[in-house]
PDB file of all heavy atoms in Angstrom:
ATOM      1  N   TYR A   1       0.797  -1.183  -0.027  1.00  0.00           N
ATOM      2  CA  TYR A   1       0.006  -0.062   0.003  1.00  0.00           C
ATOM      3  C   TYR A   1       0.861   1.235   0.033  1.00  0.00           C
ATOM      4  O   TYR A   1       0.499   2.246  -0.697  1.00  0.00           O
ATOM      5  CB  TYR A   1      -0.837   0.025   1.236  1.00  0.00           C
ATOM      6  CG  TYR A   1      -2.059   0.892   1.079  1.00  0.00           C
ATOM      7  CD1 TYR A   1      -3.207   0.569   0.400  1.00  0.00           C
ATOM      8  CD2 TYR A   1      -2.104   2.169   1.806  1.00  0.00           C
ATOM      9  CE1 TYR A   1      -4.236   1.538   0.490  1.00  0.00           C
ATOM     10  CE2 TYR A   1      -3.064   3.141   1.732  1.00  0.00           C
ATOM     11  CZ  TYR A   1      -4.256   2.794   0.998  1.00  0.00           C
ATOM     12  OH  TYR A   1      -5.206   3.634   0.874  1.00  0.00           O
ATOM     13  N   ILE A   2       2.030   1.231   0.792  1.00  0.00           N
ATOM     14  CA  ILE A   2       2.893   2.317   0.677  1.00  0.00           C
ATOM     15  C   ILE A   2       3.482   2.578  -0.595  1.00  0.00           C
ATOM     16  O   ILE A   2       3.727   3.825  -1.004  1.00  0.00           O
ATOM     17  CB  ILE A   2       3.950   2.236   1.844  1.00  0.00           C
ATOM     18  CG1 ILE A   2       3.200   2.408   3.278  1.00  0.00           C
ATOM     19  CG2 ILE A   2       5.006   3.159   1.789  1.00  0.00           C
ATOM     20  CD1 ILE A   2       4.198   2.071   4.440  1.00  0.00           C
ATOM     21  N   VAL A   3       3.857   1.486  -1.264  1.00  0.00           N
ATOM     22  CA  VAL A   3       4.509   1.549  -2.489  1.00  0.00           C
ATOM     23  C   VAL A   3       3.534   2.216  -3.622  1.00  0.00           C
ATOM     24  O   VAL A   3       3.955   3.025  -4.428  1.00  0.00           O
ATOM     25  CB  VAL A   3       4.952   0.119  -3.082  1.00  0.00           C
ATOM     26  CG1 VAL A   3       5.396   0.203  -4.477  1.00  0.00           C
ATOM     27  CG2 VAL A   3       6.224  -0.230  -2.147  1.00  0.00           C
ATOM     28  N   VAL A   4       2.329   1.806  -3.515  1.00  0.00           N
ATOM     29  CA  VAL A   4       1.289   2.345  -4.557  1.00  0.00           C
ATOM     30  C   VAL A   4       1.222   3.881  -4.149  1.00  0.00           C
ATOM     31  O   VAL A   4       1.131   4.690  -5.049  1.00  0.00           O
ATOM     32  CB  VAL A   4      -0.062   1.755  -4.352  1.00  0.00           C
ATOM     33  CG1 VAL A   4      -1.085   2.303  -5.134  1.00  0.00           C
ATOM     34  CG2 VAL A   4       0.153   0.219  -4.826  1.00  0.00           C
ATOM     35  N   GLY A   5       1.130   4.233  -2.978  1.00  0.00           N
ATOM     36  CA  GLY A   5       0.961   5.683  -2.494  1.00  0.00           C
ATOM     37  C   GLY A   5       2.187   6.512  -2.943  1.00  0.00           C
ATOM     38  O   GLY A   5       2.126   7.738  -3.334  1.00  0.00           O
ATOM     39  N   ALA A   6       3.388   5.786  -2.814  1.00  0.00           N
ATOM     40  CA  ALA A   6       4.614   6.461  -3.040  1.00  0.00           C
ATOM     41  C   ALA A   6       4.722   6.850  -4.686  1.00  0.00           C
ATOM     42  O   ALA A   6       5.097   7.965  -4.996  1.00  0.00           O
ATOM     43  CB  ALA A   6       5.779   5.672  -2.748  1.00  0.00           C
ATOM     44  N   ALA A   7       4.218   5.942  -5.423  1.00  0.00           N
ATOM     45  CA  ALA A   7       4.060   6.155  -6.989  1.00  0.00           C
ATOM     46  C   ALA A   7       3.185   7.258  -7.229  1.00  0.00           C
ATOM     47  O   ALA A   7       3.415   8.245  -8.101  1.00  0.00           O
ATOM     48  CB  ALA A   7       3.674   4.929  -7.637  1.00  0.00           C
ATOM     49  N   LEU A   8       1.938   7.355  -6.544  1.00  0.00           N
ATOM     50  CA  LEU A   8       1.156   8.451  -6.735  1.00  0.00           C
ATOM     51  C   LEU A   8       1.639   9.816  -6.414  1.00  0.00           C
ATOM     52  O   LEU A   8       1.674  10.823  -7.080  1.00  0.00           O
ATOM     53  CB  LEU A   8      -0.270   8.246  -5.947  1.00  0.00           C
ATOM     54  CG  LEU A   8      -1.065   6.996  -6.423  1.00  0.00           C
ATOM     55  CD1 LEU A   8      -2.309   6.767  -5.548  1.00  0.00           C
ATOM     56  CD2 LEU A   8      -1.557   7.197  -7.971  1.00  0.00           C
ATOM     57  N   PHE A   9       2.169   9.922  -5.134  1.00  0.00           N
ATOM     58  CA  PHE A   9       2.627  11.196  -4.700  1.00  0.00           C
ATOM     59  C   PHE A   9       3.976  11.584  -5.285  1.00  0.00           C
ATOM     60  O   PHE A   9       4.095  12.929  -5.442  1.00  0.00           O
ATOM     61  CB  PHE A   9       2.821  11.245  -3.205  1.00  0.00           C
ATOM     62  CG  PHE A   9       1.565  11.220  -2.298  1.00  0.00           C
ATOM     63  CD1 PHE A   9       1.140  10.099  -1.658  1.00  0.00           C
ATOM     64  CD2 PHE A   9       0.858  12.353  -2.213  1.00  0.00           C
ATOM     65  CE1 PHE A   9      -0.111  10.151  -0.873  1.00  0.00           C
ATOM     66  CE2 PHE A   9      -0.409  12.441  -1.456  1.00  0.00           C
ATOM     67  CZ  PHE A   9      -0.745  11.271  -0.819  1.00  0.00           C
ATOM     68  N   SER A  10       4.678  10.771  -5.797  1.00  0.00           N
ATOM     69  CA  SER A  10       5.872  11.110  -6.511  1.00  0.00           C
ATOM     70  C   SER A  10       5.626  11.851  -7.855  1.00  0.00           C
ATOM     71  O   SER A  10       6.205  12.609  -8.430  1.00  0.00           O
ATOM     72  CB  SER A  10       6.851   9.967  -6.654  1.00  0.00           C
ATOM     73  OG  SER A  10       6.248   8.965  -7.497  1.00  0.00           O
ATOM     74  N   ASN A  11       4.388  11.284  -8.394  1.00  0.00           N
ATOM     75  CA  ASN A  11       3.833  11.826  -9.744  1.00  0.00           C
ATOM     76  C   ASN A  11       3.221  13.189  -9.422  1.00  0.00           C
ATOM     77  O   ASN A  11       3.389  14.060 -10.245  1.00  0.00           O
ATOM     78  CB  ASN A  11       3.047  10.843 -10.368  1.00  0.00           C
ATOM     79  CG  ASN A  11       2.598  11.276 -11.734  1.00  0.00           C
ATOM     80  OD1 ASN A  11       3.234  11.963 -12.277  1.00  0.00           O
ATOM     81  ND2 ASN A  11       1.471  10.655 -12.209  1.00  0.00           N
ATOM     82  N   TRP A  12       2.394  13.187  -8.443  1.00  0.00           N
ATOM     83  CA  TRP A  12       1.493  14.463  -8.246  1.00  0.00           C
ATOM     84  C   TRP A  12       2.437  15.516  -7.713  1.00  0.00           C
ATOM     85  O   TRP A  12       2.217  16.698  -8.207  1.00  0.00           O
ATOM     86  CB  TRP A  12       0.384  14.201  -7.273  1.00  0.00           C
ATOM     87  CG  TRP A  12      -0.598  13.261  -7.807  1.00  0.00           C
ATOM     88  CD1 TRP A  12      -0.835  12.799  -9.223  1.00  0.00           C
ATOM     89  CD2 TRP A  12      -1.733  12.632  -7.022  1.00  0.00           C
ATOM     90  NE1 TRP A  12      -1.803  12.059  -9.272  1.00  0.00           N
ATOM     91  CE2 TRP A  12      -2.471  11.767  -8.004  1.00  0.00           C
ATOM     92  CE3 TRP A  12      -2.036  12.439  -5.698  1.00  0.00           C
ATOM     93  CZ2 TRP A  12      -3.461  11.065  -7.588  1.00  0.00           C
ATOM     94  CZ3 TRP A  12      -3.089  11.712  -5.356  1.00  0.00           C
ATOM     95  CH2 TRP A  12      -3.860  11.009  -6.276  1.00  0.00           C
ATOM     96  N   GLU A  13       3.154  15.272  -6.677  1.00  0.00           N
ATOM     97  CA  GLU A  13       3.901  16.423  -5.944  1.00  0.00           C
ATOM     98  C   GLU A  13       5.313  16.693  -6.432  1.00  0.00           C
ATOM     99  O   GLU A  13       5.898  17.627  -6.094  1.00  0.00           O
ATOM    100  CB  GLU A  13       3.920  15.973  -4.480  1.00  0.00           C
ATOM    101  CG  GLU A  13       2.624  15.943  -3.829  1.00  0.00           C
ATOM    102  CD  GLU A  13       1.859  17.193  -3.673  1.00  0.00           C
ATOM    103  OE1 GLU A  13       2.372  18.208  -3.747  1.00  0.00           O
ATOM    104  OE2 GLU A  13       0.556  17.105  -3.606  1.00  0.00           O
ATOM    105  N   GLY A  14       5.794  15.756  -7.357  1.00  0.00           N
ATOM    106  CA  GLY A  14       7.235  15.829  -7.715  1.00  0.00           C
ATOM    107  C   GLY A  14       8.201  15.443  -6.692  1.00  0.00           C
ATOM    108  O   GLY A  14       9.394  15.934  -6.804  1.00  0.00           O
ATOM    109  N   TRP A  15       7.845  14.763  -5.658  1.00  0.00           N
ATOM    110  CA  TRP A  15       8.751  14.214  -4.824  1.00  0.00           C
ATOM    111  C   TRP A  15       9.556  13.021  -5.279  1.00  0.00           C
ATOM    112  O   TRP A  15       9.086  12.405  -6.315  1.00  0.00           O
ATOM    113  CB  TRP A  15       8.019  13.775  -3.437  1.00  0.00           C
ATOM    114  CG  TRP A  15       7.313  14.848  -2.694  1.00  0.00           C
ATOM    115  CD1 TRP A  15       7.474  16.182  -2.906  1.00  0.00           C
ATOM    116  CD2 TRP A  15       6.192  14.789  -1.845  1.00  0.00           C
ATOM    117  NE1 TRP A  15       6.650  16.925  -1.996  1.00  0.00           N
ATOM    118  CE2 TRP A  15       5.806  16.016  -1.500  1.00  0.00           C
ATOM    119  CE3 TRP A  15       5.568  13.683  -1.272  1.00  0.00           C
ATOM    120  CZ2 TRP A  15       4.749  16.289  -0.591  1.00  0.00           C
ATOM    121  CZ3 TRP A  15       4.476  13.864  -0.324  1.00  0.00           C
ATOM    122  CH2 TRP A  15       4.096  15.094  -0.002  1.00  0.00           C
ATOM    123  N   SER A  16      10.690  12.717  -4.613  1.00  0.00           N
ATOM    124  CA  SER A  16      11.324  11.535  -5.001  1.00  0.00           C
ATOM    125  C   SER A  16      10.459  10.341  -4.438  1.00  0.00           C
ATOM    126  O   SER A  16       9.670  10.525  -3.562  1.00  0.00           O
ATOM    127  CB  SER A  16      12.670  11.496  -4.272  1.00  0.00           C
ATOM    128  OG  SER A  16      12.715  11.396  -2.924  1.00  0.00           O
ATOM    129  N   TYR A  17      10.791   9.179  -4.990  1.00  0.00           N
ATOM    130  CA  TYR A  17      10.130   8.055  -4.622  1.00  0.00           C
ATOM    131  C   TYR A  17      10.293   7.674  -3.139  1.00  0.00           C
ATOM    132  O   TYR A  17       9.309   7.211  -2.382  1.00  0.00           O
ATOM    133  CB  TYR A  17      10.578   6.807  -5.435  1.00  0.00           C
ATOM    134  CG  TYR A  17       9.607   5.682  -5.363  1.00  0.00           C
ATOM    135  CD1 TYR A  17       8.282   5.563  -6.171  1.00  0.00           C
ATOM    136  CD2 TYR A  17       9.851   4.454  -4.642  1.00  0.00           C
ATOM    137  CE1 TYR A  17       7.645   4.571  -6.199  1.00  0.00           C
ATOM    138  CE2 TYR A  17       8.966   3.495  -4.543  1.00  0.00           C
ATOM    139  CZ  TYR A  17       7.845   3.528  -5.348  1.00  0.00           C
ATOM    140  OH  TYR A  17       6.843   2.371  -5.377  1.00  0.00           O
ATOM    141  N   ILE A  18      11.455   7.927  -2.570  1.00  0.00           N
ATOM    142  CA  ILE A  18      11.740   7.583  -1.114  1.00  0.00           C
ATOM    143  C   ILE A  18      10.891   8.549  -0.304  1.00  0.00           C
ATOM    144  O   ILE A  18      10.498   8.216   0.732  1.00  0.00           O
ATOM    145  CB  ILE A  18      13.364   7.678  -0.953  1.00  0.00           C
ATOM    146  CG1 ILE A  18      14.124   6.631  -1.757  1.00  0.00           C
ATOM    147  CG2 ILE A  18      13.656   7.331   0.596  1.00  0.00           C
ATOM    148  CD1 ILE A  18      13.592   5.203  -1.537  1.00  0.00           C
ATOM    149  N   ASP A  19      10.893   9.822  -0.651  1.00  0.00           N
ATOM    150  CA  ASP A  19      10.295  10.814   0.151  1.00  0.00           C
ATOM    151  C   ASP A  19       8.744  10.549   0.089  1.00  0.00           C
ATOM    152  O   ASP A  19       8.137  10.769   1.163  1.00  0.00           O
ATOM    153  CB  ASP A  19      10.585  12.260  -0.448  1.00  0.00           C
ATOM    154  CG  ASP A  19      11.952  12.774  -0.207  1.00  0.00           C
ATOM    155  OD1 ASP A  19      12.741  12.142   0.775  1.00  0.00           O
ATOM    156  OD2 ASP A  19      12.381  13.638  -0.852  1.00  0.00           O
ATOM    157  N   ALA A  20       8.321  10.067  -1.024  1.00  0.00           N
ATOM    158  CA  ALA A  20       6.801   9.779  -1.002  1.00  0.00           C
ATOM    159  C   ALA A  20       6.468   8.656  -0.150  1.00  0.00           C
ATOM    160  O   ALA A  20       5.476   8.613   0.537  1.00  0.00           O
ATOM    161  CB  ALA A  20       6.295   9.523  -2.541  1.00  0.00           C
ATOM    162  N   ALA A  21       7.420   7.699  -0.097  1.00  0.00           N
ATOM    163  CA  ALA A  21       7.241   6.516   0.721  1.00  0.00           C
ATOM    164  C   ALA A  21       7.284   6.906   2.255  1.00  0.00           C
ATOM    165  O   ALA A  21       6.491   6.394   2.984  1.00  0.00           O
ATOM    166  CB  ALA A  21       8.051   5.283   0.388  1.00  0.00           C
ATOM    167  N   TYR A  22       8.283   7.740   2.395  1.00  0.00           N
ATOM    168  CA  TYR A  22       8.398   8.197   3.828  1.00  0.00           C
ATOM    169  C   TYR A  22       7.285   9.099   4.317  1.00  0.00           C
ATOM    170  O   TYR A  22       6.805   8.879   5.535  1.00  0.00           O
ATOM    171  CB  TYR A  22       9.786   9.031   3.751  1.00  0.00           C
ATOM    172  CG  TYR A  22       9.805   9.928   5.025  1.00  0.00           C
ATOM    173  CD1 TYR A  22      10.314   9.613   6.271  1.00  0.00           C
ATOM    174  CD2 TYR A  22       9.632  11.310   4.836  1.00  0.00           C
ATOM    175  CE1 TYR A  22      10.424  10.367   7.350  1.00  0.00           C
ATOM    176  CE2 TYR A  22       9.751  12.247   5.820  1.00  0.00           C
ATOM    177  CZ  TYR A  22      10.098  11.699   6.966  1.00  0.00           C
ATOM    178  OH  TYR A  22      10.178  12.639   8.096  1.00  0.00           O
ATOM    179  N   PHE A  23       6.654   9.813   3.367  1.00  0.00           N
ATOM    180  CA  PHE A  23       5.513  10.623   3.899  1.00  0.00           C
ATOM    181  C   PHE A  23       4.262   9.686   4.134  1.00  0.00           C
ATOM    182  O   PHE A  23       3.618   9.977   5.144  1.00  0.00           O
ATOM    183  CB  PHE A  23       5.134  11.535   2.643  1.00  0.00           C
ATOM    184  CG  PHE A  23       3.728  11.998   2.631  1.00  0.00           C
ATOM    185  CD1 PHE A  23       3.464  13.010   3.628  1.00  0.00           C
ATOM    186  CD2 PHE A  23       2.747  11.526   1.869  1.00  0.00           C
ATOM    187  CE1 PHE A  23       2.040  13.571   3.801  1.00  0.00           C
ATOM    188  CE2 PHE A  23       1.443  11.972   1.891  1.00  0.00           C
ATOM    189  CZ  PHE A  23       1.090  13.006   2.948  1.00  0.00           C
ATOM    190  N   SER A  24       4.044   8.697   3.327  1.00  0.00           N
ATOM    191  CA  SER A  24       3.050   7.845   3.479  1.00  0.00           C
ATOM    192  C   SER A  24       3.220   6.999   4.902  1.00  0.00           C
ATOM    193  O   SER A  24       2.213   7.001   5.705  1.00  0.00           O
ATOM    194  CB  SER A  24       2.976   6.698   2.362  1.00  0.00           C
ATOM    195  OG  SER A  24       2.788   7.353   1.203  1.00  0.00           O
ATOM    196  N   PHE A  25       4.311   6.513   5.214  1.00  0.00           N
ATOM    197  CA  PHE A  25       4.624   5.915   6.539  1.00  0.00           C
ATOM    198  C   PHE A  25       4.418   6.721   7.668  1.00  0.00           C
ATOM    199  O   PHE A  25       3.724   6.514   8.704  1.00  0.00           O
ATOM    200  CB  PHE A  25       5.957   5.289   6.481  1.00  0.00           C
ATOM    201  CG  PHE A  25       6.334   4.577   7.748  1.00  0.00           C
ATOM    202  CD1 PHE A  25       5.854   3.240   7.974  1.00  0.00           C
ATOM    203  CD2 PHE A  25       7.122   5.212   8.684  1.00  0.00           C
ATOM    204  CE1 PHE A  25       6.208   2.556   9.135  1.00  0.00           C
ATOM    205  CE2 PHE A  25       7.363   4.500   9.998  1.00  0.00           C
ATOM    206  CZ  PHE A  25       6.861   3.113  10.197  1.00  0.00           C
ATOM    207  N   ILE A  26       4.936   8.019   7.527  1.00  0.00           N
ATOM    208  CA  ILE A  26       4.860   8.928   8.648  1.00  0.00           C
ATOM    209  C   ILE A  26       3.353   9.320   8.874  1.00  0.00           C
ATOM    210  O   ILE A  26       2.873   9.573  10.076  1.00  0.00           O
ATOM    211  CB  ILE A  26       5.725  10.180   8.391  1.00  0.00           C
ATOM    212  CG1 ILE A  26       7.161   9.778   8.414  1.00  0.00           C
ATOM    213  CG2 ILE A  26       5.409  11.311   9.328  1.00  0.00           C
ATOM    214  CD1 ILE A  26       7.616   9.441   9.763  1.00  0.00           C
ATOM    215  N   THR A  27       2.564   9.301   7.913  1.00  0.00           N
ATOM    216  CA  THR A  27       1.157   9.729   8.042  1.00  0.00           C
ATOM    217  C   THR A  27       0.377   8.504   8.499  1.00  0.00           C
ATOM    218  O   THR A  27      -0.422   8.738   9.488  1.00  0.00           O
ATOM    219  CB  THR A  27       0.521  10.089   6.586  1.00  0.00           C
ATOM    220  OG1 THR A  27       1.372  11.316   5.983  1.00  0.00           O
ATOM    221  CG2 THR A  27      -0.861  10.460   6.693  1.00  0.00           C
ATOM    222  N   PHE A  28       0.577   7.305   8.093  1.00  0.00           N
ATOM    223  CA  PHE A  28      -0.092   6.163   8.534  1.00  0.00           C
ATOM    224  C   PHE A  28       0.075   5.864  10.027  1.00  0.00           C
ATOM    225  O   PHE A  28      -0.708   5.296  10.610  1.00  0.00           O
ATOM    226  CB  PHE A  28       0.298   5.062   7.658  1.00  0.00           C
ATOM    227  CG  PHE A  28      -0.271   5.036   6.253  1.00  0.00           C
ATOM    228  CD1 PHE A  28       0.344   4.415   5.213  1.00  0.00           C
ATOM    229  CD2 PHE A  28      -1.221   6.021   5.817  1.00  0.00           C
ATOM    230  CE1 PHE A  28       0.007   4.532   3.901  1.00  0.00           C
ATOM    231  CE2 PHE A  28      -1.624   6.136   4.594  1.00  0.00           C
ATOM    232  CZ  PHE A  28      -0.935   5.402   3.590  1.00  0.00           C
ATOM    233  N   THR A  29       1.344   6.128  10.404  1.00  0.00           N
ATOM    234  CA  THR A  29       1.702   5.929  11.907  1.00  0.00           C
ATOM    235  C   THR A  29       1.225   7.105  12.757  1.00  0.00           C
ATOM    236  O   THR A  29       1.530   7.048  13.924  1.00  0.00           O
ATOM    237  CB  THR A  29       3.141   5.658  12.021  1.00  0.00           C
ATOM    238  OG1 THR A  29       3.891   6.718  11.340  1.00  0.00           O
ATOM    239  CG2 THR A  29       3.512   4.307  11.391  1.00  0.00           C
ATOM    240  N   THR A  30       0.462   8.101  12.061  1.00  0.00           N
ATOM    241  CA  THR A  30       0.108   9.383  12.873  1.00  0.00           C
ATOM    242  C   THR A  30       1.148  10.121  13.559  1.00  0.00           C
ATOM    243  O   THR A  30       0.968  10.844  14.350  1.00  0.00           O
ATOM    244  CB  THR A  30      -1.004   9.031  13.845  1.00  0.00           C
ATOM    245  OG1 THR A  30      -0.437   8.198  14.927  1.00  0.00           O
ATOM    246  CG2 THR A  30      -2.216   8.243  13.174  1.00  0.00           C
ATOM    247  N   ILE A  31       2.418  10.029  13.060  1.00  0.00           N
ATOM    248  CA  ILE A  31       3.500  10.759  13.443  1.00  0.00           C
ATOM    249  C   ILE A  31       3.344  12.258  13.003  1.00  0.00           C
ATOM    250  O   ILE A  31       3.373  13.196  13.768  1.00  0.00           O
ATOM    251  CB  ILE A  31       4.927  10.225  13.162  1.00  0.00           C
ATOM    252  CG1 ILE A  31       5.075   8.889  13.659  1.00  0.00           C
ATOM    253  CG2 ILE A  31       5.974  11.198  13.506  1.00  0.00           C
ATOM    254  CD1 ILE A  31       6.253   8.119  13.329  1.00  0.00           C
ATOM    255  N   GLY A  32       3.232  12.388  11.715  1.00  0.00           N
ATOM    256  CA  GLY A  32       2.900  13.808  11.118  1.00  0.00           C
ATOM    257  C   GLY A  32       3.932  14.786  11.326  1.00  0.00           C
ATOM    258  O   GLY A  32       3.545  15.816  11.997  1.00  0.00           O
ATOM    259  N   LEU A  33       5.146  14.620  11.127  1.00  0.00           N
ATOM    260  CA  LEU A  33       6.222  15.585  11.272  1.00  0.00           C
ATOM    261  C   LEU A  33       5.932  16.920  10.622  1.00  0.00           C
ATOM    262  O   LEU A  33       6.403  17.970  11.022  1.00  0.00           O
ATOM    263  CB  LEU A  33       7.633  15.085  10.989  1.00  0.00           C
ATOM    264  CG  LEU A  33       7.997  13.749  11.785  1.00  0.00           C
ATOM    265  CD1 LEU A  33       9.346  13.208  11.247  1.00  0.00           C
ATOM    266  CD2 LEU A  33       8.129  14.214  13.263  1.00  0.00           C
ATOM    267  N   GLY A  34       5.399  16.902   9.355  1.00  0.00           N
ATOM    268  CA  GLY A  34       5.056  18.139   8.722  1.00  0.00           C
ATOM    269  C   GLY A  34       6.094  18.554   7.732  1.00  0.00           C
ATOM    270  O   GLY A  34       5.955  19.673   7.179  1.00  0.00           O
ATOM    271  N   ASP A  35       7.299  17.794   7.596  1.00  0.00           N
ATOM    272  CA  ASP A  35       8.301  18.147   6.701  1.00  0.00           C
ATOM    273  C   ASP A  35       7.922  18.027   5.199  1.00  0.00           C
ATOM    274  O   ASP A  35       8.338  18.685   4.389  1.00  0.00           O
ATOM    275  CB  ASP A  35       9.600  17.476   6.949  1.00  0.00           C
ATOM    276  CG  ASP A  35       9.399  15.932   7.091  1.00  0.00           C
ATOM    277  OD1 ASP A  35       8.370  15.649   7.216  1.00  0.00           O
ATOM    278  OD2 ASP A  35      10.419  15.235   7.061  1.00  0.00           O
ATOM    279  N   LEU A  36       6.981  17.035   5.022  1.00  0.00           N
ATOM    280  CA  LEU A  36       6.440  16.796   3.616  1.00  0.00           C
ATOM    281  C   LEU A  36       4.972  16.861   3.823  1.00  0.00           C
ATOM    282  O   LEU A  36       4.395  16.043   4.515  1.00  0.00           O
ATOM    283  CB  LEU A  36       6.840  15.547   2.961  1.00  0.00           C
ATOM    284  CG  LEU A  36       8.402  15.346   2.671  1.00  0.00           C
ATOM    285  CD1 LEU A  36       8.727  13.918   2.270  1.00  0.00           C
ATOM    286  CD2 LEU A  36       8.680  16.358   1.554  1.00  0.00           C
ATOM    287  N   VAL A  37       4.183  17.854   3.101  1.00  0.00           N
ATOM    288  CA  VAL A  37       2.788  18.049   3.220  1.00  0.00           C
ATOM    289  C   VAL A  37       2.323  18.043   1.712  1.00  0.00           C
ATOM    290  O   VAL A  37       2.807  18.724   0.898  1.00  0.00           O
ATOM    291  CB  VAL A  37       2.413  19.273   3.898  1.00  0.00           C
ATOM    292  CG1 VAL A  37       0.933  19.421   4.012  1.00  0.00           C
ATOM    293  CG2 VAL A  37       2.994  19.113   5.403  1.00  0.00           C
ATOM    294  N   PRO A  38       1.342  17.234   1.422  1.00  0.00           N
ATOM    295  CA  PRO A  38       0.731  17.473  -0.054  1.00  0.00           C
ATOM    296  C   PRO A  38      -0.078  18.693  -0.182  1.00  0.00           C
ATOM    297  O   PRO A  38      -0.598  19.307   0.788  1.00  0.00           O
ATOM    298  CB  PRO A  38      -0.285  16.247   0.016  1.00  0.00           C
ATOM    299  CG  PRO A  38      -0.564  15.978   1.385  1.00  0.00           C
ATOM    300  CD  PRO A  38       0.595  16.263   2.206  1.00  0.00           C
ATOM    301  N   GLY A  39       0.052  19.241  -1.226  1.00  0.00           N
ATOM    302  CA  GLY A  39      -0.526  20.498  -1.625  1.00  0.00           C
ATOM    303  C   GLY A  39      -0.207  21.137  -2.961  1.00  0.00           C
ATOM    304  O   GLY A  39      -1.065  21.772  -3.466  1.00  0.00           O
TER     305      GLY A  39
END
C-alpha cells in the first residue's frame, strides 16, 4: 500500500520515490512531522 501511494505522490507532488514512501509511512503511523505535506 505504501509503494502504491509513493508512486502516486511522487507523480503528483514531484517528490522523490523515497520521500513519497516516507511521507506515507509517517502519515499512517500518525507521527505527522510536517516536513512533507501534500498541496
